[in-house]
Protein backbone atom coordinates (compact mmCIF):
# COMPACT_ATOMS: atom_id res chain seq x y z
CA MET A 1 79.33 98.32 -88.24
CA PRO A 2 83.06 97.84 -89.01
CA LEU A 3 83.68 96.44 -85.52
CA THR A 4 81.40 93.48 -86.19
CA GLY A 5 83.19 92.87 -89.48
CA LEU A 6 86.55 93.16 -87.74
CA ARG A 7 85.45 90.46 -85.32
CA GLY A 8 84.44 88.33 -88.30
CA PHE A 9 87.89 88.86 -89.81
CA ALA A 10 89.52 87.77 -86.53
CA ALA A 11 87.42 84.60 -86.43
CA LEU A 12 88.27 83.80 -90.06
CA TRP A 13 91.96 84.43 -89.40
CA VAL A 14 92.04 81.96 -86.53
CA MET A 15 90.29 79.36 -88.68
CA LEU A 16 92.67 80.03 -91.59
CA TYR A 17 95.63 79.42 -89.29
CA HIS A 18 94.33 76.06 -88.07
CA VAL A 19 93.47 74.87 -91.59
CA TRP A 20 96.85 76.06 -92.87
CA VAL A 21 98.60 74.01 -90.16
CA GLU A 22 96.82 70.87 -91.42
CA ALA A 23 97.58 71.55 -95.09
CA THR A 24 100.93 71.06 -96.78
CA PRO A 25 103.12 72.56 -98.06
CA ARG A 26 102.94 75.47 -95.63
CA LEU A 27 105.20 77.87 -97.51
CA MET A 28 103.00 80.53 -99.17
CA MET A 29 104.89 82.39 -101.89
CA LEU A 30 103.61 84.96 -104.36
CA GLY A 31 106.54 85.30 -106.71
CA PRO A 32 109.45 86.53 -104.55
CA LEU A 33 107.07 87.66 -101.77
CA ASP A 34 106.71 85.36 -98.76
CA LEU A 35 103.08 85.54 -97.57
CA THR A 36 103.47 82.74 -95.05
CA PRO A 37 103.24 85.11 -92.04
CA LEU A 38 99.68 85.99 -93.03
CA PHE A 39 98.80 82.35 -92.36
CA SER A 40 101.24 81.40 -89.62
CA ALA A 41 100.18 84.38 -87.46
CA GLY A 42 96.47 83.62 -87.66
CA TRP A 43 96.40 82.80 -83.96
CA ALA A 44 96.71 86.58 -83.49
CA GLY A 45 92.98 86.75 -84.16
CA VAL A 46 92.72 85.96 -80.44
CA ASP A 47 94.63 89.18 -79.70
CA ILE A 48 91.97 91.07 -81.64
CA PHE A 49 89.21 89.22 -79.77
CA PHE A 50 90.63 90.14 -76.37
CA THR A 51 91.15 93.80 -77.22
CA LEU A 52 87.77 94.12 -78.95
CA SER A 53 85.97 92.48 -76.03
CA ALA A 54 87.56 94.94 -73.60
CA PHE A 55 86.71 97.86 -75.90
CA LEU A 56 83.02 97.01 -76.18
CA LEU A 57 82.50 96.05 -72.55
CA SER A 58 84.22 99.20 -71.30
CA LEU A 59 82.05 101.62 -73.28
CA PRO A 60 79.18 101.74 -70.73
CA TYR A 61 81.66 102.32 -67.90
CA ALA A 62 83.52 105.05 -69.74
CA SER A 63 80.26 106.74 -70.73
CA ARG A 64 78.89 106.73 -67.19
CA HIS A 65 82.13 108.01 -65.71
CA LEU A 66 82.02 110.85 -68.23
CA GLU A 67 78.52 111.73 -66.99
CA HIS A 68 79.56 111.32 -63.34
CA ALA A 69 76.89 108.63 -63.07
CA SER A 70 76.93 105.30 -61.24
CA PRO A 71 78.57 102.38 -63.10
CA PRO A 72 76.41 99.58 -64.53
CA PRO A 73 75.13 97.15 -61.86
CA LEU A 74 77.56 94.31 -61.22
CA ARG A 75 74.84 91.69 -61.12
CA THR A 76 73.55 92.71 -64.55
CA PHE A 77 77.04 92.85 -66.04
CA TRP A 78 78.12 89.40 -64.85
CA LEU A 79 74.75 87.81 -65.61
CA ARG A 80 74.97 88.97 -69.21
CA ARG A 81 78.52 87.67 -69.50
CA VAL A 82 77.34 84.26 -68.30
CA GLN A 83 74.40 84.39 -70.71
CA ARG A 84 76.71 85.24 -73.57
CA ILE A 85 79.36 82.58 -73.08
CA LEU A 86 78.21 79.57 -71.11
CA PRO A 87 75.08 78.34 -72.96
CA ALA A 88 76.85 77.89 -76.32
CA TYR A 89 79.97 76.57 -74.63
CA TYR A 90 78.08 74.05 -72.50
CA ALA A 91 76.02 72.97 -75.51
CA GLN A 92 79.22 72.16 -77.36
CA LEU A 93 80.64 70.17 -74.44
CA PHE A 94 77.53 67.99 -74.30
CA VAL A 95 77.48 67.53 -78.09
CA LEU A 96 81.17 66.52 -78.14
CA ALA A 97 80.64 64.09 -75.26
CA ALA A 98 77.53 62.61 -76.91
CA LEU A 99 79.27 62.16 -80.27
CA ALA A 100 82.20 60.43 -78.60
CA GLY A 101 80.06 58.22 -76.38
CA LEU A 102 77.38 57.25 -78.88
CA LEU A 103 79.14 57.35 -82.25
CA GLY A 104 82.80 57.05 -81.35
CA ILE A 105 83.60 60.44 -82.88
CA GLY A 106 86.40 62.01 -80.86
CA MET A 107 87.59 61.14 -77.37
CA LEU A 108 85.09 60.49 -74.59
CA PRO A 109 86.11 62.55 -71.54
CA ASP A 110 86.16 60.98 -68.11
CA VAL A 111 84.13 62.59 -65.32
CA PRO A 112 86.96 64.77 -63.89
CA GLN A 113 87.83 66.10 -67.35
CA PHE A 114 84.21 66.86 -68.18
CA LEU A 115 83.64 68.62 -64.86
CA GLY A 116 86.89 70.54 -65.30
CA ASN A 117 85.70 71.77 -68.68
CA LEU A 118 82.32 72.76 -67.22
CA LEU A 119 84.10 74.81 -64.55
CA LEU A 120 86.53 76.37 -67.08
CA LEU A 121 89.53 74.78 -65.38
CA THR A 122 91.23 74.17 -68.71
CA ASP A 123 93.93 76.82 -68.69
CA PHE A 124 96.23 75.49 -65.97
CA GLY A 125 98.31 72.89 -67.79
CA PRO A 126 98.99 69.76 -65.71
CA TYR A 127 97.07 71.30 -62.81
CA GLY A 128 93.83 71.66 -64.77
CA ALA A 129 91.57 69.60 -66.99
CA ALA A 130 92.52 68.84 -70.57
CA PRO A 131 90.24 70.91 -72.83
CA MET A 132 87.77 68.90 -74.89
CA ASN A 133 88.16 71.58 -77.56
CA PRO A 134 91.70 73.06 -77.68
CA VAL A 135 90.60 76.58 -78.69
CA THR A 136 88.60 77.05 -75.48
CA TYR A 137 91.80 77.82 -73.57
CA THR A 138 90.91 81.48 -74.14
CA LEU A 139 87.63 81.33 -72.21
CA PRO A 140 89.15 81.24 -68.69
CA ILE A 141 91.34 84.20 -69.65
CA GLU A 142 88.30 86.10 -70.88
CA PHE A 143 86.26 85.25 -67.80
CA GLY A 144 89.10 86.42 -65.57
CA PHE A 145 88.94 89.77 -67.28
CA TYR A 146 85.18 89.94 -66.71
CA LEU A 147 85.82 89.65 -62.98
CA LEU A 148 88.43 92.42 -63.06
CA LEU A 149 86.72 94.86 -65.44
CA PRO A 150 84.41 96.61 -62.94
CA LEU A 151 87.41 97.29 -60.72
CA LEU A 152 89.77 98.36 -63.49
CA ALA A 153 87.05 100.58 -65.00
CA ARG A 154 87.28 102.87 -61.97
CA TRP A 155 90.47 104.24 -63.55
CA LEU A 156 88.72 105.28 -66.78
CA ARG A 157 88.73 108.91 -65.68
CA PRO A 158 90.80 112.01 -66.46
CA GLY A 159 94.10 111.84 -64.63
CA ARG A 160 93.65 108.19 -63.68
CA TRP A 161 93.86 106.40 -67.00
CA PRO A 162 97.69 106.72 -67.25
CA TRP A 163 97.93 104.82 -63.97
CA LEU A 164 95.76 102.08 -65.44
CA ALA A 165 98.08 101.81 -68.43
CA LEU A 166 101.15 101.74 -66.19
CA PHE A 167 99.59 99.13 -63.91
CA ALA A 168 98.80 96.84 -66.85
CA ILE A 169 102.29 97.17 -68.32
CA VAL A 170 104.00 96.45 -64.99
CA VAL A 171 101.79 93.45 -64.19
CA THR A 172 102.19 91.93 -67.65
CA GLN A 173 105.94 92.38 -67.81
CA LEU A 174 106.49 91.14 -64.26
CA TRP A 175 104.42 88.04 -64.99
CA ARG A 176 106.23 87.22 -68.21
CA HIS A 177 109.73 87.84 -66.87
CA LEU A 178 109.15 86.01 -63.59
CA VAL A 179 107.27 83.04 -65.03
CA PHE A 180 109.44 82.29 -68.04
CA PRO A 181 112.55 81.18 -66.10
CA GLN A 182 110.33 78.79 -64.12
CA VAL A 183 108.94 77.07 -67.25
CA ALA A 184 111.79 77.45 -69.76
CA HIS A 185 112.72 73.77 -69.34
CA LEU A 186 109.17 72.52 -70.03
CA ASP A 187 107.66 71.55 -73.36
CA VAL A 188 106.49 74.49 -75.47
CA PRO A 189 102.74 73.83 -74.93
CA LEU A 190 103.26 74.11 -71.16
CA ARG A 191 105.27 77.31 -71.62
CA VAL A 192 102.40 78.70 -73.65
CA ILE A 193 99.86 77.86 -70.95
CA ALA A 194 101.99 79.44 -68.22
CA MET A 195 102.83 82.62 -70.12
CA GLU A 196 99.32 83.15 -71.50
CA GLN A 197 97.52 83.37 -68.16
CA LEU A 198 95.47 86.54 -67.63
CA PRO A 199 98.32 88.54 -66.01
CA GLY A 200 100.39 87.89 -69.13
CA ARG A 201 97.65 89.32 -71.39
CA LEU A 202 96.30 92.05 -69.11
CA ASP A 203 97.84 94.87 -71.12
CA GLN A 204 95.87 93.79 -74.21
CA PHE A 205 92.59 94.07 -72.36
CA VAL A 206 93.59 97.42 -70.88
CA ALA A 207 94.55 98.67 -74.35
CA GLY A 208 90.96 97.97 -75.42
CA MET A 209 89.63 99.71 -72.31
CA LEU A 210 91.69 102.83 -72.97
CA ALA A 211 90.59 102.87 -76.61
CA ALA A 212 86.97 102.80 -75.38
CA TYR A 213 87.69 105.66 -72.99
CA ALA A 214 89.30 107.71 -75.76
CA TYR A 215 86.43 106.97 -78.13
CA THR A 216 83.79 107.99 -75.58
CA ARG A 217 85.55 111.29 -74.88
CA ALA A 218 86.03 111.95 -78.60
CA VAL A 219 82.32 111.43 -79.29
CA ALA A 220 81.29 113.57 -76.32
CA HIS A 221 83.51 116.44 -77.47
CA GLY A 222 82.74 116.10 -81.17
CA HIS A 223 86.24 115.00 -82.16
CA ALA A 224 85.46 111.54 -83.52
CA ALA A 225 84.58 112.40 -87.12
CA ASN A 226 88.04 113.34 -88.46
CA ALA A 227 88.11 110.92 -91.38
CA ARG A 228 91.71 111.56 -92.39
CA ALA A 229 93.02 111.10 -88.85
CA ASN A 230 90.97 107.93 -88.42
CA ASP A 231 92.23 106.47 -91.68
CA THR A 232 95.82 107.29 -90.74
CA LEU A 233 95.43 105.68 -87.33
CA LEU A 234 93.90 102.55 -88.86
CA LEU A 235 96.79 102.23 -91.30
CA LEU A 236 99.35 102.72 -88.53
CA GLY A 237 97.69 100.00 -86.47
CA ALA A 238 97.59 97.65 -89.45
CA LEU A 239 101.24 98.41 -90.27
CA LEU A 240 102.31 97.62 -86.70
CA PHE A 241 100.36 94.36 -86.85
CA ALA A 242 102.03 93.46 -90.16
CA LEU A 243 105.50 94.18 -88.77
CA LEU A 244 104.75 92.02 -85.75
CA MET A 245 103.54 89.17 -87.98
CA TRP A 246 106.68 89.11 -90.08
CA ALA A 247 108.99 89.58 -87.09
CA GLY A 248 107.28 86.76 -85.20
CA HIS A 249 107.39 84.47 -88.21
CA TYR A 250 111.12 84.86 -88.73
CA ALA A 251 111.84 84.57 -85.00
CA VAL A 252 109.74 81.42 -84.57
CA ALA A 253 112.75 79.16 -84.02
CA THR A 254 113.84 81.05 -80.90
CA TYR A 255 110.59 82.76 -79.84
CA TRP A 256 109.73 80.30 -77.06
CA GLU A 257 113.38 80.07 -76.04
CA GLY A 258 113.26 83.58 -74.58
CA HIS A 259 113.43 85.82 -77.66
CA PRO A 260 112.77 89.50 -76.76
CA LEU A 261 109.55 89.34 -78.80
CA LEU A 262 108.18 86.79 -76.35
CA PHE A 263 107.83 89.53 -73.74
CA VAL A 264 106.39 92.30 -75.95
CA TRP A 265 104.63 90.70 -78.94
CA HIS A 266 101.15 90.52 -77.41
CA SER A 267 101.58 93.94 -75.81
CA LEU A 268 102.33 95.59 -79.14
CA ALA A 269 99.57 93.58 -80.83
CA GLY A 270 97.14 94.97 -78.25
CA VAL A 271 98.23 98.51 -79.08
CA ALA A 272 97.85 97.86 -82.81
CA ALA A 273 94.39 96.32 -82.33
CA ALA A 274 93.30 99.19 -80.05
CA ALA A 275 94.33 101.74 -82.67
CA MET A 276 92.35 99.91 -85.34
CA LEU A 277 89.31 99.59 -83.07
CA TYR A 278 89.29 103.27 -82.18
CA ALA A 279 89.66 104.31 -85.81
CA SER A 280 86.95 101.88 -86.94
CA ALA A 281 84.51 103.03 -84.26
CA CYS A 282 85.16 106.66 -85.12
CA GLY A 283 84.25 106.08 -88.76
CA SER A 284 87.42 105.30 -90.68
CA ARG A 285 86.59 105.06 -94.38
CA ILE A 286 89.21 102.36 -94.87
CA ALA A 287 87.67 100.33 -92.06
CA ARG A 288 84.27 100.55 -93.75
CA VAL A 289 85.73 99.32 -97.02
CA LEU A 290 87.62 96.46 -95.41
CA PHE A 291 85.27 95.27 -92.70
CA ASP A 292 81.80 96.74 -93.20
CA ASN A 293 80.52 94.16 -95.67
CA ALA A 294 77.82 91.53 -95.35
CA PRO A 295 80.00 88.36 -95.25
CA LEU A 296 82.35 89.63 -92.55
CA ARG A 297 79.52 91.21 -90.55
CA TYR A 298 77.63 87.92 -90.58
CA ILE A 299 80.64 85.90 -89.46
CA GLY A 300 81.22 88.56 -86.81
CA LEU A 301 77.66 88.11 -85.63
CA ILE A 302 78.05 84.32 -85.23
CA SER A 303 81.73 84.61 -84.31
CA PHE A 304 81.52 82.91 -80.92
CA GLY A 305 79.98 79.77 -82.36
CA PHE A 306 82.31 80.05 -85.35
CA TYR A 307 85.31 80.16 -83.03
CA LEU A 308 84.04 77.25 -80.92
CA TRP A 309 83.16 74.91 -83.77
CA HIS A 310 85.75 75.42 -86.51
CA PHE A 311 88.40 73.26 -84.82
CA PRO A 312 86.17 70.21 -84.10
CA VAL A 313 84.82 70.43 -87.66
CA MET A 314 88.35 70.41 -89.03
CA GLN A 315 89.24 67.42 -86.83
CA TRP A 316 86.15 65.48 -87.93
CA LEU A 317 86.92 66.02 -91.61
CA ASP A 318 90.55 65.09 -91.11
CA ARG A 319 89.74 61.89 -89.19
CA ALA A 320 87.18 60.91 -91.83
CA HIS A 321 89.99 61.20 -94.45
CA ILE A 322 87.76 63.43 -96.57
CA PHE A 323 90.71 65.11 -98.26
CA ASP A 324 93.02 62.11 -98.69
CA ALA A 325 92.05 61.70 -102.32
CA ILE A 326 93.22 65.21 -103.22
CA THR A 327 96.61 64.89 -104.87
CA GLY A 328 97.31 68.60 -105.19
CA TYR A 329 97.33 71.39 -102.68
CA ARG A 330 94.58 70.75 -100.13
CA LEU A 331 94.25 74.19 -98.48
CA PRO A 332 91.55 75.67 -100.79
CA TRP A 333 89.38 72.56 -100.51
CA MET A 334 89.82 72.23 -96.76
CA LEU A 335 89.17 75.92 -96.22
CA ALA A 336 85.93 75.87 -98.22
CA ALA A 337 84.60 72.77 -96.46
CA VAL A 338 85.49 73.88 -92.93
CA LEU A 339 84.10 77.35 -93.60
CA ALA A 340 80.77 76.11 -94.94
CA ILE A 341 80.14 73.53 -92.21
CA THR A 342 81.30 75.83 -89.42
CA CYS A 343 79.06 78.66 -90.61
CA ALA A 344 76.06 76.31 -90.66
CA ILE A 345 76.69 75.02 -87.12
CA ALA A 346 77.50 78.50 -85.78
CA THR A 347 74.29 79.87 -87.28
CA LEU A 348 72.25 77.19 -85.53
CA SER A 349 74.09 77.89 -82.28
CA TYR A 350 73.43 81.61 -82.53
CA ARG A 351 69.76 81.37 -83.46
CA PHE A 352 68.68 78.57 -81.14
CA ILE A 353 71.07 78.78 -78.19
CA GLU A 354 72.83 82.13 -77.92
CA LEU A 355 70.02 84.51 -78.85
CA PRO A 356 67.34 82.92 -76.64
CA PHE A 357 69.62 83.11 -73.61
CA LEU A 358 70.74 86.65 -74.46
CA ARG A 359 67.10 87.76 -74.52
CA LEU A 360 66.32 86.37 -71.07
CA GLY A 361 65.59 89.08 -68.55
CA ARG A 362 65.48 91.90 -71.12
CA SER A 363 62.59 93.97 -72.33
CA ARG A 364 61.68 93.52 -75.98
CA LYS A 365 63.20 96.84 -77.05
CA ASP A 366 66.55 95.94 -75.41
CA ARG A 367 66.81 92.45 -76.83
CA PRO A 368 69.68 91.79 -79.25
CA GLN A 369 68.64 91.08 -82.81
CA LEU A 370 70.20 89.20 -85.69
CA THR A 371 71.53 92.39 -87.24
CA THR A 372 73.81 93.97 -84.67
CA GLU A 373 76.12 93.26 -81.78
CA MET A 374 76.37 96.74 -80.34
CA VAL A 375 73.50 99.10 -79.62
CA ALA A 376 74.60 102.73 -79.44
CA ALA A 377 72.56 105.72 -78.41
CA THR A 378 73.33 109.31 -77.55
CA ASP A 379 71.87 110.66 -74.37
CA ALA A 380 70.73 114.21 -73.74
CA GLY A 381 74.21 115.20 -72.63
CA GLY A 382 75.81 113.98 -75.84
CA ALA A 383 77.65 111.02 -74.35
CA THR A 384 77.55 107.75 -76.19
CA GLN A 385 76.16 104.77 -74.34
CA CYS A 386 76.87 101.39 -75.86
CA GLU A 387 76.12 97.87 -74.88
CA SER A 388 77.90 94.89 -76.34
CA VAL A 389 76.08 91.68 -77.04
CA ARG A 390 79.50 90.04 -77.01
């Protein structure tokens, strides 16, 4: 499934960005061509994660609305979200605390910080707990969307979806334009925390929801298999993403000072990601070539653990001075080591923590396996019903 491979690509991209930041020199030239934006924009893998999560989780809602059926039960939806995220996340918190307390690896959190991390109160700057793992700032944003999704999904209907799009655009732009003047004098990390709250990323999630709605209708009406149109849409989405990467890279000096891109970058990235998701789900041949391969599918399968563990692994290797003896360019060596160790830990997390919890409360035929993250079936009426393990 290209979507699983696309998730694997997003996870790799985030890791590549963090490793690139630690390696020097950072300028990446191929003859006269500056490829640095491909590395410096790796944090945009999070944009893909958010939009993809919304796409997959909205499919059952869009399908049921199309059939005029009741939406999925709230209790089941939220229970599965908790099963998907918290076990692996909590396991990491306890491992990090144990390593710091017993072996002196990393910083031992005090009780308020540890409790704040357990309660996902890590995305509120000076008003929250310092994250034990910096990349987990995205989890409170994601969980906030889980709480809103059942309500927002009511607008995934003919005649209503434009209002959902308008609502998301207005909320996001109001948040960004009202919050920025209040935090413009603060350090950049605090500006990031303030601007990246859920209201400031809502349009990305809604872009994924609308892509799911469009995909469900296309499948139901037999319009999803236009290979040329899907390939064209995928390329347009990729082109928009590339333009955003290069524009953001060359505006980096003024981006957090109030550059116009600050208010629209994530919005446009959500649109680009949604276009690529729709085209990939509909069967784009280019998407199959790029993303439907065993390595990316496997990383996509273990992507949550991969995302959680790559940063601590990189920190451990750096603090152990593993790469100090390398006199040349360190990026290839660092990338290979972080990738190998992270894959091993993420595999253990998926097999022994994530899967067992995901299977709780499900019949054997509905349990997620090691080979897929989305189960799709066509009902008697022709509508596609999908469930995301993510």
